Amino acid sequence: MSSKLEIKNMALQSLGEEALASDGEVTKASVMAETFFLQSLIELLARHDWVFAHKRAAISYDVAAPAFGYDYQYLKPSECVRISSINADKNKLFAEELGKILMDDDTCELLYVSLITEYGLLPPMFVASLSALLASKLAYGLSGGDSKAKEQLSLYQLYYGEAIAMDKNSGLGVDEETEYGEGVGAWPNRQD
């Protein structure tokens, strides 16, 4: 389980910077880490349909219908960074516009990737991926080098792939038949 400070320190120390003593510290490194932290977290959460970050909501439609194109509009939850499915349909036709979800259904049961701010809930490989992504953004301003940024991006890509594999292997939320083509129990690396 990692805290925000620990994740920032992982990123900073991978660049050869000193660890921060607290979140309230004011140095060039701490200000940059704070500036890029939330952006990096949202960027990483939005890139994949993370099972560990799923949240569900049944949303009532707005009384004001969209001007054209769709019959109903719904207020998108503020912590939603990626829509996974609507009404249990991953291929549902909808549009996102200015914090609204527009579609023709009069019900909206939303499964989505939520912004997680309880950092202790983040899985270890996701944390590794996040810290490497954050380090790649900090490298230019702190290390002054393109090579450090590229090195961290390579680590990020490695950790990201491992995090996705672990998330899919968690046994939750992935349609086994569609994902792997062999039906229930066909998880890769699964030892029954």
C-alpha atoms as a PDB file:
ATOM      1  CA  MET A   1       0.000   0.000   0.000  1.00  0.00           C
ATOM      2  CA  SER A   2       1.449   3.314  -1.088  1.00  0.00           C
ATOM      3  CA  SER A   3       0.750   6.882  -0.148  1.00  0.00           C
ATOM      4  CA  LYS A   4       0.878   9.843  -2.497  1.00  0.00           C
ATOM      5  CA  LEU A   5       4.171  10.897  -0.897  1.00  0.00           C
ATOM      6  CA  GLU A   6       5.673   7.432  -1.404  1.00  0.00           C
ATOM      7  CA  ILE A   7       4.664   7.410  -5.079  1.00  0.00           C
ATOM      8  CA  LYS A   8       6.185  10.861  -5.623  1.00  0.00           C
ATOM      9  CA  ASN A   9       9.353   9.757  -3.804  1.00  0.00           C
ATOM     10  CA  MET A  10       9.616   6.639  -5.986  1.00  0.00           C
ATOM     11  CA  ALA A  11       9.538   8.906  -9.042  1.00  0.00           C
ATOM     12  CA  LEU A  12      12.019  11.407  -7.630  1.00  0.00           C
ATOM     13  CA  GLN A  13      14.482   8.804  -6.368  1.00  0.00           C
ATOM     14  CA  SER A  14      14.440   6.978  -9.705  1.00  0.00           C
ATOM     15  CA  LEU A  15      15.817  10.225 -11.138  1.00  0.00           C
ATOM     16  CA  GLY A  16      18.509  10.459  -8.468  1.00  0.00           C
ATOM     17  CA  GLU A  17      16.680  13.184  -6.532  1.00  0.00           C
ATOM     18  CA  GLU A  18      16.344  13.278  -2.755  1.00  0.00           C
ATOM     19  CA  ALA A  19      13.160  11.947  -1.201  1.00  0.00           C
ATOM     20  CA  LEU A  20      10.639  14.443   0.128  1.00  0.00           C
ATOM     21  CA  ALA A  21      10.193  14.458   3.904  1.00  0.00           C
ATOM     22  CA  SER A  22       6.544  15.531   3.690  1.00  0.00           C
ATOM     23  CA  ASP A  23       3.858  16.582   1.237  1.00  0.00           C
ATOM     24  CA  GLY A  24       4.102  20.136   2.552  1.00  0.00           C
ATOM     25  CA  GLU A  25       7.741  20.527   1.557  1.00  0.00           C
ATOM     26  CA  VAL A  26       8.407  23.391  -0.887  1.00  0.00           C
ATOM     27  CA  THR A  27      11.273  22.666  -3.252  1.00  0.00           C
ATOM     28  CA  LYS A  28      11.517  22.635  -7.023  1.00  0.00           C
ATOM     29  CA  ALA A  29      11.173  18.838  -6.964  1.00  0.00           C
ATOM     30  CA  SER A  30       8.149  18.831  -4.643  1.00  0.00           C
ATOM     31  CA  VAL A  31       6.321  21.528  -6.604  1.00  0.00           C
ATOM     32  CA  MET A  32       6.928  19.731  -9.903  1.00  0.00           C
ATOM     33  CA  ALA A  33       5.906  16.356  -8.438  1.00  0.00           C
ATOM     34  CA  GLU A  34       2.684  17.845  -7.075  1.00  0.00           C
ATOM     35  CA  THR A  35       1.987  19.607 -10.385  1.00  0.00           C
ATOM     36  CA  PHE A  36       2.289  16.428 -12.464  1.00  0.00           C
ATOM     37  CA  PHE A  37       0.943  13.852  -9.980  1.00  0.00           C
ATOM     38  CA  LEU A  38      -2.803  14.187 -10.554  1.00  0.00           C
ATOM     39  CA  GLN A  39      -2.384  14.596 -14.312  1.00  0.00           C
ATOM     40  CA  SER A  40      -0.290  11.410 -14.445  1.00  0.00           C
ATOM     41  CA  LEU A  41      -2.785   9.477 -12.311  1.00  0.00           C
ATOM     42  CA  ILE A  42      -5.758  10.516 -14.469  1.00  0.00           C
ATOM     43  CA  GLU A  43      -3.812   9.817 -17.669  1.00  0.00           C
ATOM     44  CA  LEU A  44      -2.939   6.306 -16.511  1.00  0.00           C
ATOM     45  CA  LEU A  45      -6.445   5.514 -15.245  1.00  0.00           C
ATOM     46  CA  ALA A  46      -7.968   6.718 -18.534  1.00  0.00           C
ATOM     47  CA  ARG A  47      -5.700   4.525 -20.690  1.00  0.00           C
ATOM     48  CA  HIS A  48      -7.211   1.182 -19.681  1.00  0.00           C
ATOM     49  CA  ASP A  49     -10.426  -0.306 -18.344  1.00  0.00           C
ATOM     50  CA  TRP A  50      -8.916  -1.005 -14.897  1.00  0.00           C
ATOM     51  CA  VAL A  51     -11.016  -3.566 -13.021  1.00  0.00           C
ATOM     52  CA  PHE A  52      -9.636  -2.449  -9.633  1.00  0.00           C
ATOM     53  CA  ALA A  53     -10.933   1.084 -10.262  1.00  0.00           C
ATOM     54  CA  HIS A  54     -14.447   0.136 -11.408  1.00  0.00           C
ATOM     55  CA  LYS A  55     -17.388   1.921  -9.886  1.00  0.00           C
ATOM     56  CA  ARG A  56     -21.096   1.574 -10.646  1.00  0.00           C
ATOM     57  CA  ALA A  57     -23.847   4.171 -10.718  1.00  0.00           C
ATOM     58  CA  ALA A  58     -27.479   4.275 -11.806  1.00  0.00           C
ATOM     59  CA  ILE A  59     -27.998   7.786 -13.134  1.00  0.00           C
ATOM     60  CA  SER A  60     -31.281   9.608 -13.713  1.00  0.00           C
ATOM     61  CA  TYR A  61     -31.636  11.496 -16.949  1.00  0.00           C
ATOM     62  CA  ASP A  62     -31.690  15.269 -17.110  1.00  0.00           C
ATOM     63  CA  VAL A  63     -35.153  16.744 -17.786  1.00  0.00           C
ATOM     64  CA  ALA A  64     -33.660  18.872 -20.553  1.00  0.00           C
ATOM     65  CA  ALA A  65     -33.156  16.666 -23.603  1.00  0.00           C
ATOM     66  CA  PRO A  66     -30.182  17.246 -25.918  1.00  0.00           C
ATOM     67  CA  ALA A  67     -30.833  19.757 -28.712  1.00  0.00           C
ATOM     68  CA  PHE A  68     -30.563  16.999 -31.359  1.00  0.00           C
ATOM     69  CA  GLY A  69     -29.084  13.576 -32.111  1.00  0.00           C
ATOM     70  CA  TYR A  70     -30.032  11.790 -28.891  1.00  0.00           C
ATOM     71  CA  ASP A  71     -33.158  11.469 -26.758  1.00  0.00           C
ATOM     72  CA  TYR A  72     -31.634  11.653 -23.257  1.00  0.00           C
ATOM     73  CA  GLN A  73     -28.721  13.207 -21.441  1.00  0.00           C
ATOM     74  CA  TYR A  74     -27.178  12.243 -18.115  1.00  0.00           C
ATOM     75  CA  LEU A  75     -24.729  14.026 -15.837  1.00  0.00           C
ATOM     76  CA  LYS A  76     -21.446  12.143 -15.933  1.00  0.00           C
ATOM     77  CA  PRO A  77     -20.080  11.416 -12.415  1.00  0.00           C
ATOM     78  CA  SER A  78     -17.287  13.868 -11.606  1.00  0.00           C
ATOM     79  CA  GLU A  79     -14.843  11.085 -10.679  1.00  0.00           C
ATOM     80  CA  CYS A  80     -15.436   9.167 -13.950  1.00  0.00           C
ATOM     81  CA  VAL A  81     -12.266   9.073 -16.052  1.00  0.00           C
ATOM     82  CA  ARG A  82     -13.368   6.352 -18.481  1.00  0.00           C
ATOM     83  CA  ILE A  83     -16.697   4.720 -19.278  1.00  0.00           C
ATOM     84  CA  SER A  84     -16.480   0.917 -19.300  1.00  0.00           C
ATOM     85  CA  SER A  85     -20.068   0.068 -20.184  1.00  0.00           C
ATOM     86  CA  ILE A  86     -23.575   1.491 -20.168  1.00  0.00           C
ATOM     87  CA  ASN A  87     -26.517  -0.760 -19.356  1.00  0.00           C
ATOM     88  CA  ALA A  88     -24.123  -3.756 -19.401  1.00  0.00           C
ATOM     89  CA  ASP A  89     -23.239  -3.060 -23.060  1.00  0.00           C
ATOM     90  CA  LYS A  90     -19.598  -2.281 -23.845  1.00  0.00           C
ATOM     91  CA  ASN A  91     -20.592  -1.238 -27.374  1.00  0.00           C
ATOM     92  CA  LYS A  92     -23.473   1.089 -26.444  1.00  0.00           C
ATOM     93  CA  LEU A  93     -23.783   4.064 -28.781  1.00  0.00           C
ATOM     94  CA  PHE A  94     -23.399   7.272 -26.773  1.00  0.00           C
ATOM     95  CA  ALA A  95     -21.603  10.597 -26.808  1.00  0.00           C
ATOM     96  CA  GLU A  96     -19.776  12.523 -24.099  1.00  0.00           C
ATOM     97  CA  GLU A  97     -20.169  16.289 -24.229  1.00  0.00           C
ATOM     98  CA  LEU A  98     -19.178  18.782 -21.537  1.00  0.00           C
ATOM     99  CA  GLY A  99     -19.657  16.417 -18.594  1.00  0.00           C
ATOM    100  CA  LYS A 100     -22.812  14.837 -20.019  1.00  0.00           C
ATOM    101  CA  ILE A 101     -23.537  11.401 -21.438  1.00  0.00           C
ATOM    102  CA  LEU A 102     -25.952  11.522 -24.385  1.00  0.00           C
ATOM    103  CA  MET A 103     -27.809   8.455 -25.640  1.00  0.00           C
ATOM    104  CA  ASP A 104     -31.213   7.132 -26.665  1.00  0.00           C
ATOM    105  CA  ASP A 105     -31.853   4.878 -23.618  1.00  0.00           C
ATOM    106  CA  ASP A 106     -34.089   6.162 -20.830  1.00  0.00           C
ATOM    107  CA  THR A 107     -31.984   4.351 -18.212  1.00  0.00           C
ATOM    108  CA  CYS A 108     -28.278   4.654 -17.535  1.00  0.00           C
ATOM    109  CA  GLU A 109     -26.527   2.025 -15.455  1.00  0.00           C
ATOM    110  CA  LEU A 110     -22.937   3.084 -15.722  1.00  0.00           C
ATOM    111  CA  LEU A 111     -19.809   1.025 -15.073  1.00  0.00           C
ATOM    112  CA  TYR A 112     -16.770   3.274 -15.138  1.00  0.00           C
ATOM    113  CA  VAL A 113     -13.153   3.706 -14.127  1.00  0.00           C
ATOM    114  CA  SER A 114     -13.156   6.053 -11.176  1.00  0.00           C
ATOM    115  CA  LEU A 115     -10.520   8.522 -10.073  1.00  0.00           C
ATOM    116  CA  ILE A 116      -8.998   6.919  -6.976  1.00  0.00           C
ATOM    117  CA  THR A 117      -7.611   9.291  -4.372  1.00  0.00           C
ATOM    118  CA  GLU A 118      -7.174   6.656  -1.671  1.00  0.00           C
ATOM    119  CA  TYR A 119      -3.728   5.766  -2.964  1.00  0.00           C
ATOM    120  CA  GLY A 120      -3.413   2.724  -0.703  1.00  0.00           C
ATOM    121  CA  LEU A 121      -6.034   1.027  -2.930  1.00  0.00           C
ATOM    122  CA  LEU A 122      -3.765   1.161  -5.982  1.00  0.00           C
ATOM    123  CA  PRO A 123      -2.224  -2.222  -6.905  1.00  0.00           C
ATOM    124  CA  PRO A 124       1.596  -2.438  -6.703  1.00  0.00           C
ATOM    125  CA  MET A 125       2.228  -2.709 -10.488  1.00  0.00           C
ATOM    126  CA  PHE A 126      -0.100   0.222 -11.122  1.00  0.00           C
ATOM    127  CA  VAL A 127       1.922   2.217  -8.550  1.00  0.00           C
ATOM    128  CA  ALA A 128       5.165   1.222 -10.289  1.00  0.00           C
ATOM    129  CA  SER A 129       3.700   2.326 -13.619  1.00  0.00           C
ATOM    130  CA  LEU A 130       2.421   5.605 -12.156  1.00  0.00           C
ATOM    131  CA  SER A 131       5.753   6.449 -10.525  1.00  0.00           C
ATOM    132  CA  ALA A 132       7.636   5.765 -13.788  1.00  0.00           C
ATOM    133  CA  LEU A 133       5.171   7.907 -15.763  1.00  0.00           C
ATOM    134  CA  LEU A 134       5.524  10.693 -13.199  1.00  0.00           C
ATOM    135  CA  ALA A 135       9.330  10.387 -13.314  1.00  0.00           C
ATOM    136  CA  SER A 136       9.293  10.678 -17.115  1.00  0.00           C
ATOM    137  CA  LYS A 137       7.444  13.993 -16.789  1.00  0.00           C
ATOM    138  CA  LEU A 138       9.768  15.252 -14.053  1.00  0.00           C
ATOM    139  CA  ALA A 139      12.979  14.238 -15.826  1.00  0.00           C
ATOM    140  CA  TYR A 140      13.197  17.245 -18.135  1.00  0.00           C
ATOM    141  CA  GLY A 141      12.804  19.828 -15.383  1.00  0.00           C
ATOM    142  CA  LEU A 142      14.876  18.092 -12.725  1.00  0.00           C
ATOM    143  CA  SER A 143      17.488  16.023 -14.517  1.00  0.00           C
ATOM    144  CA  GLY A 144      17.570  18.215 -17.583  1.00  0.00           C
ATOM    145  CA  GLY A 145      17.945  15.221 -19.793  1.00  0.00           C
ATOM    146  CA  ASP A 146      16.090  13.542 -22.570  1.00  0.00           C
ATOM    147  CA  SER A 147      17.813  10.234 -21.827  1.00  0.00           C
ATOM    148  CA  LYS A 148      16.385  10.048 -18.275  1.00  0.00           C
ATOM    149  CA  ALA A 149      12.898  10.800 -19.595  1.00  0.00           C
ATOM    150  CA  LYS A 150      13.211   8.078 -22.255  1.00  0.00           C
ATOM    151  CA  GLU A 151      14.530   5.613 -19.674  1.00  0.00           C
ATOM    152  CA  GLN A 152      11.548   6.295 -17.414  1.00  0.00           C
ATOM    153  CA  LEU A 153       9.113   6.017 -20.340  1.00  0.00           C
ATOM    154  CA  SER A 154      10.578   2.600 -21.152  1.00  0.00           C
ATOM    155  CA  LEU A 155      10.105   1.521 -17.536  1.00  0.00           C
ATOM    156  CA  TYR A 156       6.583   2.939 -17.607  1.00  0.00           C
ATOM    157  CA  GLN A 157       5.710   0.889 -20.704  1.00  0.00           C
ATOM    158  CA  LEU A 158       7.082  -2.273 -19.091  1.00  0.00           C
ATOM    159  CA  TYR A 159       5.229  -1.702 -15.804  1.00  0.00           C
ATOM    160  CA  TYR A 160       2.056  -0.642 -17.630  1.00  0.00           C
ATOM    161  CA  GLY A 161       1.949  -3.920 -19.548  1.00  0.00           C
ATOM    162  CA  GLU A 162       2.497  -5.922 -16.369  1.00  0.00           C
ATOM    163  CA  ALA A 163      -0.160  -3.917 -14.529  1.00  0.00           C
ATOM    164  CA  ILE A 164      -2.698  -4.620 -17.297  1.00  0.00           C
ATOM    165  CA  ALA A 165      -1.894  -8.346 -17.225  1.00  0.00           C
ATOM    166  CA  MET A 166      -2.334  -8.453 -13.453  1.00  0.00           C
ATOM    167  CA  ASP A 167      -5.569  -6.472 -13.652  1.00  0.00           C
ATOM    168  CA  LYS A 168      -7.021  -8.825 -16.274  1.00  0.00           C
ATOM    169  CA  ASN A 169      -5.907 -11.842 -14.251  1.00  0.00           C
ATOM    170  CA  SER A 170      -7.685 -10.568 -11.161  1.00  0.00           C
ATOM    171  CA  GLY A 171     -10.697 -12.620 -12.262  1.00  0.00           C
ATOM    172  CA  LEU A 172     -13.136  -9.736 -12.125  1.00  0.00           C
ATOM    173  CA  GLY A 173     -15.080  -7.983 -14.816  1.00  0.00           C
ATOM    174  CA  VAL A 174     -13.464  -9.413 -17.943  1.00  0.00           C
ATOM    175  CA  ASP A 175     -15.722 -11.302 -20.306  1.00  0.00           C
ATOM    176  CA  GLU A 176     -13.769 -14.537 -20.598  1.00  0.00           C
ATOM    177  CA  GLU A 177     -15.369 -15.689 -23.842  1.00  0.00           C
ATOM    178  CA  THR A 178     -14.814 -12.399 -25.638  1.00  0.00           C
ATOM    179  CA  GLU A 179     -11.409 -11.660 -24.172  1.00  0.00           C
ATOM    180  CA  TYR A 180      -9.749 -15.052 -24.566  1.00  0.00           C
ATOM    181  CA  GLY A 181     -12.083 -16.988 -26.867  1.00  0.00           C
ATOM    182  CA  GLU A 182     -12.101 -20.193 -24.846  1.00  0.00           C
ATOM    183  CA  GLY A 183     -14.924 -19.626 -22.369  1.00  0.00           C
ATOM    184  CA  VAL A 184     -15.016 -19.464 -18.603  1.00  0.00           C
ATOM    185  CA  GLY A 185     -11.810 -20.482 -16.870  1.00  0.00           C
ATOM    186  CA  ALA A 186      -9.596 -19.706 -19.836  1.00  0.00           C
ATOM    187  CA  TRP A 187      -7.463 -17.129 -18.051  1.00  0.00           C
ATOM    188  CA  PRO A 188      -3.844 -17.002 -19.127  1.00  0.00           C
ATOM    189  CA  ASN A 189      -1.348 -18.192 -16.487  1.00  0.00           C
ATOM    190  CA  ARG A 190      -4.194 -19.573 -14.396  1.00  0.00           C
ATOM    191  CA  GLN A 191      -3.353 -22.731 -12.520  1.00  0.00           C
ATOM    192  CA  ASP A 192      -6.474 -24.587 -11.407  1.00  0.00           C
END
